[in-house]
Amino acid sequence: MRIALFAIFTSVILRNEILKYDVVIIGGGPSGCACALRLKDSGLKVALIDKYEFPRDKVCGDAIPGRAIKTLNSIDPQYAAAFKKFPAKCVTKKTSLFYKNKTITFSWVLEAYTCARYEFDNFLFSLVREYTKTDIFTSTQADLVSTTEDGISISIKGNNKKFETKLLIGADGAHSVAAKQLAAQTLDRKHHVGSVRAYFTGLANMDSLTTEIYFNKRFLPSYLWVFPLPGDTANVGFGMLSSEISKQKINIRKAIYEFIETSPVLKQKFKDAKHIGELEGFGLPLGSNIKTISGPHFMLCGDAASLIDPATGDGIGNAMLSGKLAAEQAVRCFKENNFSSAFIKSYDNTVIKALGKELKQHYQVQRILSAFPFLFDIIFFVSRSKLLKKLIKKQL
């Protein structure tokens, strides 16, 4: 009888398990991990939850820009040093742009890499495990997120476990539960890109130091990328503004192959190539129209905050920077015991100061090129001009 009562009592407790934390980070990608790493010595009780087990894949272009490494180094130089020793990557020093049999090549000053997100995200996640006291919960998917008197309550899909926190960091990607339920964000096709990505091996004339961008008159100003990865592998992808996909009724899963077939350079490059895995789609919420990225007791980071560069498609560098900035704001919130929307708004201002001007300029460049595609002909015609190359380089 006692055993039966104990079992009933235990089941009731488990059904109503409530886990309380100072900070809960939803999402273990680059922005979530950057946030957790920055909170390392904060003295705060931190939880990081992710719906998957690690390592796990993330559909992406796999380019790791200079800003990502710079941010990692600013959090702790030993993290950046560890990534330099990380073998599953390619160092990239140049980018070549192709259009109508003409090429412009740029050399970069900041260190940059290509690394499959399966590898890169797991690397960052491993840093959080090894160097911080963060409580990690994988296979844990946030379902309902709601405000309470003292903070935020997070229900978990598939069980009755709940998290309660003074401060929520929404780093859960383009389909963020936190962004939808706390900031009422919706898809804006004018500021969103639909993309597809596949892995190939056996591509001709690949240089592991060079990322390649191809433009096609049919799809301007969109582009196809070919990014080298270790093991004679390349990440190949194509993306278009979602409003244009809808307007032109384009099937981007077919368009990527049409792009390759109609380009003499690409057709030769892919002549003996072998497809690895599936062609997978993903969305890119652009930072060309930053909306609500914070509120009472919460902040949004990375793709959840729609911070992807409209011109380059870079999301990882901006994501990691926003994760770091959110962690720094979190420390200020607890220091002042102030979690109001007005106080947390300084996070928005810091993000906009760091990224806003750049994102707006890149959006303007994208719109101009979309409205006047003949500019591509002019740009590539005068591509030998050092001054022009310098101006273009600033926009990439």
Protein backbone atom coordinates (compact mmCIF):
# COMPACT_ATOMS: atom_id res chain seq x y z
CA MET A 1 0.00 0.00 0.00
CA ARG A 2 2.82 2.40 0.92
CA ILE A 3 4.61 1.55 -2.31
CA ALA A 4 1.47 2.27 -4.34
CA LEU A 5 0.92 5.64 -2.60
CA PHE A 6 4.57 6.55 -3.14
CA ALA A 7 4.28 5.70 -6.84
CA ILE A 8 1.16 7.87 -7.20
CA PHE A 9 2.81 10.75 -5.32
CA THR A 10 5.96 10.49 -7.48
CA SER A 11 3.98 10.46 -10.72
CA VAL A 12 2.09 13.61 -9.65
CA ILE A 13 5.38 15.38 -8.86
CA LEU A 14 6.87 14.38 -12.21
CA ARG A 15 3.77 15.46 -14.11
CA ASN A 16 4.11 18.94 -12.64
CA GLU A 17 7.89 19.33 -12.72
CA ILE A 18 8.86 23.00 -12.73
CA LEU A 19 12.47 23.99 -13.35
CA LYS A 20 13.41 27.52 -12.31
CA TYR A 21 16.32 29.45 -13.83
CA ASP A 22 17.58 33.00 -13.96
CA VAL A 23 18.07 32.71 -17.73
CA VAL A 24 16.67 30.17 -20.18
CA ILE A 25 18.12 30.09 -23.69
CA ILE A 26 15.95 28.38 -26.30
CA GLY A 27 18.16 27.11 -29.11
CA GLY A 28 21.67 25.66 -29.13
CA GLY A 29 22.86 27.15 -32.42
CA PRO A 30 25.50 29.88 -32.83
CA SER A 31 23.52 32.67 -31.14
CA GLY A 32 22.36 30.50 -28.23
CA CYS A 33 25.84 29.09 -27.63
CA ALA A 34 27.46 32.52 -27.89
CA CYS A 35 25.02 33.76 -25.26
CA ALA A 36 25.71 30.83 -22.92
CA LEU A 37 29.48 31.22 -23.33
CA ARG A 38 29.28 34.96 -22.56
CA LEU A 39 27.28 34.21 -19.40
CA LYS A 40 29.98 31.84 -18.16
CA ASP A 41 31.17 33.95 -15.21
CA SER A 42 27.96 35.87 -14.61
CA GLY A 43 26.94 33.91 -11.52
CA LEU A 44 23.51 33.35 -13.04
CA LYS A 45 21.72 30.03 -13.17
CA VAL A 46 21.41 29.31 -16.88
CA ALA A 47 19.61 26.62 -18.87
CA LEU A 48 19.97 25.95 -22.58
CA ILE A 49 17.28 23.88 -24.25
CA ASP A 50 17.24 22.50 -27.79
CA LYS A 51 14.75 20.24 -29.53
CA TYR A 52 17.49 18.04 -31.00
CA GLU A 53 20.33 15.89 -29.78
CA PHE A 54 23.81 17.04 -30.75
CA PRO A 55 25.50 16.72 -33.13
CA ARG A 56 22.67 17.64 -35.47
CA ASP A 57 22.50 19.16 -38.93
CA LYS A 58 21.33 22.67 -39.79
CA VAL A 59 20.55 23.57 -43.39
CA CYS A 60 22.80 26.49 -44.24
CA GLY A 61 25.47 27.77 -46.62
CA ASP A 62 28.17 26.70 -44.13
CA ALA A 63 30.20 29.92 -44.49
CA ILE A 64 31.76 31.08 -41.21
CA PRO A 65 32.54 34.79 -41.66
CA GLY A 66 35.12 36.94 -39.94
CA ARG A 67 32.55 38.46 -37.59
CA ALA A 68 31.81 35.02 -36.11
CA ILE A 69 35.48 34.42 -35.29
CA LYS A 70 35.94 37.96 -34.03
CA THR A 71 32.95 37.56 -31.71
CA LEU A 72 34.19 34.19 -30.45
CA ASN A 73 37.57 35.72 -29.72
CA SER A 74 36.00 38.65 -27.86
CA ILE A 75 34.08 36.24 -25.61
CA ASP A 76 37.23 34.30 -24.80
CA PRO A 77 40.39 34.01 -26.95
CA GLN A 78 40.74 30.34 -26.03
CA TYR A 79 37.51 29.56 -27.89
CA ALA A 80 38.76 31.16 -31.11
CA ALA A 81 42.11 29.42 -30.64
CA ALA A 82 40.33 26.09 -30.27
CA PHE A 83 38.45 26.65 -33.51
CA LYS A 84 41.67 27.46 -35.36
CA LYS A 85 42.84 23.96 -34.41
CA PHE A 86 39.50 22.41 -35.32
CA PRO A 87 40.18 20.16 -38.34
CA ALA A 88 36.72 19.94 -39.96
CA LYS A 89 36.91 23.24 -41.84
CA CYS A 90 38.46 25.03 -44.80
CA VAL A 91 40.23 28.37 -44.52
CA THR A 92 38.76 30.75 -47.10
CA LYS A 93 40.79 33.73 -48.28
CA LYS A 94 39.07 34.71 -51.52
CA THR A 95 35.65 35.04 -53.13
CA SER A 96 35.12 34.86 -56.90
CA LEU A 97 32.01 36.33 -58.53
CA PHE A 98 30.91 34.97 -61.93
CA TYR A 99 28.57 36.58 -64.46
CA LYS A 100 28.39 36.12 -68.25
CA ASN A 101 31.83 34.52 -68.50
CA LYS A 102 33.41 37.35 -66.52
CA THR A 103 34.97 36.97 -63.08
CA ILE A 104 35.79 39.31 -60.20
CA THR A 105 37.96 37.90 -57.39
CA PHE A 106 38.40 39.46 -53.96
CA SER A 107 40.94 38.64 -51.29
CA TRP A 108 39.85 39.00 -47.67
CA VAL A 109 41.68 40.48 -44.70
CA LEU A 110 39.65 38.95 -41.87
CA GLU A 111 40.00 35.21 -41.32
CA ALA A 112 37.02 33.25 -42.58
CA TYR A 113 36.15 29.60 -43.00
CA THR A 114 33.69 27.12 -44.39
CA CYS A 115 32.53 24.42 -42.01
CA ALA A 116 29.47 22.18 -42.17
CA ARG A 117 26.94 23.30 -39.59
CA TYR A 118 26.79 19.73 -38.33
CA GLU A 119 30.42 20.25 -37.26
CA PHE A 120 30.42 23.95 -36.35
CA ASP A 121 27.31 23.93 -34.18
CA ASN A 122 28.52 20.85 -32.36
CA PHE A 123 31.88 22.55 -31.78
CA LEU A 124 30.18 25.54 -30.14
CA PHE A 125 27.82 23.29 -28.19
CA SER A 126 30.82 21.32 -26.90
CA LEU A 127 32.41 24.55 -25.67
CA VAL A 128 29.27 25.28 -23.64
CA ARG A 129 29.36 21.78 -22.16
CA GLU A 130 33.06 21.93 -21.33
CA TYR A 131 33.58 25.49 -20.11
CA THR A 132 30.31 26.63 -18.55
CA LYS A 133 27.97 25.49 -15.80
CA THR A 134 24.98 25.79 -18.10
CA ASP A 135 22.33 23.12 -17.54
CA ILE A 136 21.72 21.59 -20.97
CA PHE A 137 18.46 19.96 -22.03
CA THR A 138 18.42 18.35 -25.47
CA SER A 139 15.42 16.63 -27.10
CA THR A 140 13.49 19.37 -25.35
CA GLN A 141 11.19 21.38 -27.61
CA ALA A 142 9.62 24.61 -26.38
CA ASP A 143 5.89 24.57 -27.09
CA LEU A 144 4.02 27.33 -25.28
CA VAL A 145 5.81 30.47 -24.11
CA SER A 146 3.91 32.92 -21.95
CA THR A 147 4.53 35.82 -19.59
CA THR A 148 3.92 35.57 -15.85
CA GLU A 149 4.11 38.09 -13.04
CA ASP A 150 7.77 37.34 -12.46
CA GLY A 151 9.02 36.37 -15.90
CA ILE A 152 8.41 33.77 -18.58
CA SER A 153 6.94 30.27 -18.45
CA ILE A 154 7.97 27.70 -21.06
CA SER A 155 5.99 24.51 -21.60
CA ILE A 156 7.74 21.57 -23.25
CA LYS A 157 6.15 19.60 -26.06
CA GLY A 158 5.40 15.97 -25.25
CA ASN A 159 5.60 16.17 -21.45
CA ASN A 160 4.48 18.29 -18.52
CA LYS A 161 7.88 19.72 -17.70
CA LYS A 162 7.92 23.50 -17.41
CA PHE A 163 10.68 26.06 -17.18
CA GLU A 164 10.22 29.33 -15.35
CA THR A 165 12.71 32.13 -15.82
CA LYS A 166 13.30 35.78 -15.11
CA LEU A 167 14.75 36.22 -18.58
CA LEU A 168 14.23 34.28 -21.80
CA ILE A 169 16.69 34.38 -24.70
CA GLY A 170 14.95 33.31 -27.91
CA ALA A 171 17.69 31.83 -30.11
CA ASP A 172 15.50 29.23 -31.76
CA GLY A 173 15.97 30.12 -35.41
CA ALA A 174 13.85 31.24 -38.32
CA HIS A 175 10.72 29.48 -37.00
CA SER A 176 11.21 30.75 -33.47
CA VAL A 177 8.51 29.90 -30.96
CA ALA A 178 9.66 32.81 -28.82
CA ALA A 179 9.46 35.29 -31.71
CA LYS A 180 5.98 34.16 -32.72
CA GLN A 181 4.46 33.99 -29.25
CA LEU A 182 6.20 36.87 -27.47
CA ALA A 183 6.91 39.32 -30.31
CA ALA A 184 4.03 38.33 -32.63
CA GLN A 185 6.43 38.06 -35.57
CA THR A 186 5.05 36.86 -38.89
CA LEU A 187 6.61 36.04 -42.26
CA ASP A 188 7.25 39.09 -44.43
CA ARG A 189 8.03 37.84 -47.95
CA LYS A 190 9.68 41.14 -48.91
CA HIS A 191 12.26 40.57 -46.19
CA HIS A 192 12.66 36.82 -46.43
CA VAL A 193 14.61 34.52 -48.73
CA GLY A 194 13.64 31.00 -49.74
CA SER A 195 16.71 28.81 -50.29
CA VAL A 196 17.80 25.29 -51.14
CA ARG A 197 21.09 23.57 -50.40
CA ALA A 198 22.79 20.32 -51.35
CA TYR A 199 26.21 18.73 -50.92
CA PHE A 200 28.26 17.58 -53.90
CA THR A 201 31.57 15.85 -54.36
CA GLY A 202 33.82 15.65 -57.41
CA LEU A 203 33.34 19.21 -58.65
CA ALA A 204 35.98 20.35 -61.15
CA ASN A 205 38.35 23.27 -60.62
CA MET A 206 37.66 23.70 -56.92
CA ASP A 207 40.01 25.79 -54.79
CA SER A 208 39.63 25.13 -51.07
CA LEU A 209 40.66 28.75 -50.36
CA THR A 210 37.96 30.29 -52.57
CA THR A 211 34.19 30.61 -52.20
CA GLU A 212 32.31 31.06 -55.46
CA ILE A 213 29.22 33.13 -56.25
CA TYR A 214 27.37 32.83 -59.59
CA PHE A 215 24.85 35.25 -61.05
CA ASN A 216 22.37 34.43 -63.81
CA LYS A 217 20.38 37.04 -65.76
CA ARG A 218 17.24 34.94 -65.27
CA PHE A 219 17.39 35.20 -61.48
CA LEU A 220 19.07 38.55 -60.69
CA PRO A 221 19.96 39.73 -58.08
CA SER A 222 19.79 36.25 -56.55
CA TYR A 223 22.79 33.98 -56.82
CA LEU A 224 24.04 30.42 -56.60
CA TRP A 225 26.91 29.64 -54.26
CA VAL A 226 29.58 26.95 -54.31
CA PHE A 227 31.47 26.79 -51.02
CA PRO A 228 34.36 24.32 -50.56
CA LEU A 229 34.39 21.93 -47.61
CA PRO A 230 36.90 19.33 -46.43
CA GLY A 231 37.07 15.99 -48.23
CA ASP A 232 36.51 17.19 -51.79
CA THR A 233 32.99 18.26 -50.81
CA ALA A 234 31.12 21.46 -51.62
CA ASN A 235 28.03 23.15 -50.26
CA VAL A 236 25.95 24.28 -53.24
CA GLY A 237 22.89 26.43 -52.78
CA PHE A 238 20.52 28.91 -54.34
CA GLY A 239 18.14 31.47 -52.84
CA MET A 240 15.63 34.09 -53.94
CA LEU A 241 13.57 36.73 -52.22
CA SER A 242 10.34 34.99 -51.19
CA SER A 243 8.20 37.75 -52.69
CA GLU A 244 9.89 37.15 -56.08
CA ILE A 245 9.47 33.39 -55.79
CA SER A 246 5.76 33.94 -55.28
CA LYS A 247 5.45 36.66 -57.93
CA GLN A 248 7.33 34.72 -60.62
CA LYS A 249 5.95 31.34 -59.49
CA ILE A 250 9.45 29.88 -59.35
CA ASN A 251 10.16 26.40 -58.06
CA ILE A 252 13.57 26.93 -56.48
CA ARG A 253 14.17 23.18 -56.20
CA LYS A 254 14.11 23.06 -59.99
CA ALA A 255 15.71 26.49 -60.42
CA ILE A 256 19.02 25.46 -58.85
CA TYR A 257 19.49 22.75 -61.50
CA GLU A 258 18.33 25.12 -64.27
CA PHE A 259 20.92 27.60 -63.02
CA ILE A 260 23.67 25.00 -63.32
CA GLU A 261 22.57 23.73 -66.73
CA THR A 262 22.37 27.20 -68.31
CA SER A 263 25.83 28.28 -67.13
CA PRO A 264 28.74 26.97 -69.26
CA VAL A 265 31.14 27.38 -66.33
CA LEU A 266 28.86 25.54 -63.88
CA LYS A 267 27.93 22.87 -66.39
CA GLN A 268 31.60 22.00 -66.79
CA LYS A 269 32.22 22.20 -63.03
CA PHE A 270 29.38 19.75 -62.30
CA LYS A 271 30.13 17.41 -65.21
CA ASP A 272 31.44 14.58 -63.00
CA ALA A 273 29.91 15.72 -59.71
CA LYS A 274 28.03 13.38 -57.42
CA HIS A 275 25.07 14.43 -55.29
CA ILE A 276 25.37 13.68 -51.56
CA GLY A 277 22.16 13.38 -49.59
CA GLU A 278 19.01 15.36 -50.31
CA LEU A 279 18.35 18.81 -51.70
CA GLU A 280 16.95 20.60 -48.65
CA GLY A 281 15.10 23.87 -48.30
CA PHE A 282 15.35 26.57 -45.65
CA GLY A 283 14.22 30.14 -45.03
CA LEU A 284 16.32 33.22 -44.32
CA PRO A 285 14.61 36.03 -42.35
CA LEU A 286 16.50 39.12 -43.46
CA GLY A 287 17.71 41.97 -41.28
CA SER A 288 16.44 44.56 -43.75
CA ASN A 289 13.45 45.32 -41.57
CA ILE A 290 14.35 44.77 -37.91
CA LYS A 291 11.19 44.75 -35.82
CA THR A 292 10.60 43.80 -32.20
CA ILE A 293 13.59 41.89 -30.84
CA SER A 294 12.92 42.34 -27.12
CA GLY A 295 10.22 42.95 -24.58
CA PRO A 296 9.50 42.42 -20.89
CA HIS A 297 11.64 39.51 -19.69
CA PHE A 298 12.81 38.43 -23.18
CA MET A 299 15.29 39.06 -26.01
CA LEU A 300 15.58 37.51 -29.47
CA CYS A 301 18.87 36.63 -31.17
CA GLY A 302 20.12 35.48 -34.56
CA ASP A 303 17.55 34.24 -37.05
CA ALA A 304 14.83 34.58 -34.41
CA ALA A 305 15.55 38.32 -34.50
CA SER A 306 15.75 38.34 -38.33
CA LEU A 307 19.36 39.50 -38.58
CA ILE A 308 20.53 37.82 -41.80
CA ASP A 309 22.43 40.08 -44.17
CA PRO A 310 20.26 40.87 -47.25
CA ALA A 311 23.23 40.99 -49.65
CA THR A 312 25.58 38.27 -48.46
CA GLY A 313 23.17 35.89 -46.72
CA ASP A 314 25.45 35.82 -43.68
CA GLY A 315 23.55 34.89 -40.57
CA ILE A 316 26.15 33.19 -38.36
CA GLY A 317 28.32 36.23 -37.66
CA ASN A 318 25.34 38.44 -36.82
CA ALA A 319 23.78 35.65 -34.77
CA MET A 320 26.84 35.19 -32.58
CA LEU A 321 27.24 38.92 -32.07
CA SER A 322 23.59 39.28 -31.04
CA GLY A 323 23.94 36.33 -28.64
CA LYS A 324 26.90 37.98 -26.99
CA LEU A 325 25.07 41.33 -26.74
CA ALA A 326 22.00 39.63 -25.26
CA ALA A 327 24.16 38.02 -22.57
CA GLU A 328 25.66 41.40 -21.67
CA GLN A 329 22.20 42.92 -21.42
CA ALA A 330 21.09 39.99 -19.25
CA VAL A 331 23.85 40.76 -16.77
CA ARG A 332 22.71 44.38 -16.61
CA CYS A 333 19.09 43.29 -16.06
CA PHE A 334 20.02 41.20 -13.03
CA LYS A 335 22.38 43.83 -11.67
CA GLU A 336 19.59 46.44 -11.72
CA ASN A 337 16.81 43.90 -11.08
CA ASN A 338 15.00 45.45 -14.00
CA PHE A 339 13.40 43.29 -16.69
CA SER A 340 11.02 45.87 -18.11
CA SER A 341 10.58 46.43 -21.81
CA ALA A 342 11.99 49.95 -21.51
CA PHE A 343 15.17 48.76 -19.79
CA ILE A 344 15.77 45.81 -22.12
CA LYS A 345 15.24 48.11 -25.11
CA SER A 346 18.89 49.07 -24.80
CA TYR A 347 19.64 45.62 -26.27
CA ASP A 348 17.71 46.58 -29.43
CA ASN A 349 19.62 49.84 -29.61
CA THR A 350 22.97 48.10 -29.23
CA VAL A 351 22.14 45.58 -31.96
CA ILE A 352 20.93 48.31 -34.31
CA LYS A 353 24.03 50.39 -33.61
CA ALA A 354 26.26 47.42 -34.38
CA LEU A 355 24.39 46.05 -37.41
CA GLY A 356 21.57 48.37 -38.47
CA LYS A 357 23.43 50.69 -40.85
CA GLU A 358 25.20 47.81 -42.57
CA LEU A 359 21.99 45.82 -43.01
CA LYS A 360 20.10 48.81 -44.42
CA GLN A 361 22.88 49.62 -46.88
CA HIS A 362 23.03 46.03 -48.07
CA TYR A 363 19.26 45.96 -48.51
CA GLN A 364 19.43 49.14 -50.59
CA VAL A 365 22.13 47.58 -52.76
CA GLN A 366 19.95 44.49 -53.21
CA ARG A 367 16.92 46.59 -54.20
CA ILE A 368 18.88 48.76 -56.64
CA LEU A 369 20.36 45.72 -58.37
CA SER A 370 16.92 44.12 -58.51
CA ALA A 371 15.39 47.22 -60.10
CA PHE A 372 18.30 47.82 -62.49
CA PRO A 373 19.82 44.44 -63.40
CA PHE A 374 21.83 46.03 -66.23
CA LEU A 375 24.12 47.34 -63.47
CA PHE A 376 25.61 43.84 -63.29
CA ASP A 377 26.87 44.25 -66.85
CA ILE A 378 28.43 47.60 -65.97
CA ILE A 379 29.99 46.31 -62.76
CA PHE A 380 31.58 43.31 -64.41
CA PHE A 381 32.63 45.36 -67.45
CA VAL A 382 34.64 47.77 -65.32
CA SER A 383 35.68 45.13 -62.80
CA ARG A 384 39.37 45.85 -63.37
CA SER A 385 38.98 49.14 -61.55
CA LYS A 386 40.61 48.85 -58.12
CA LEU A 387 38.35 51.56 -56.74
CA LEU A 388 35.20 49.74 -57.88
CA LYS A 389 36.42 46.44 -56.48
CA LYS A 390 37.03 48.20 -53.17
CA LEU A 391 33.48 49.59 -53.15
CA ILE A 392 31.95 46.21 -54.00
CA LYS A 393 34.05 44.50 -51.36
CA LYS A 394 32.62 46.82 -48.70
CA GLN A 395 29.12 45.63 -49.59
CA LEU A 396 29.92 41.92 -49.31
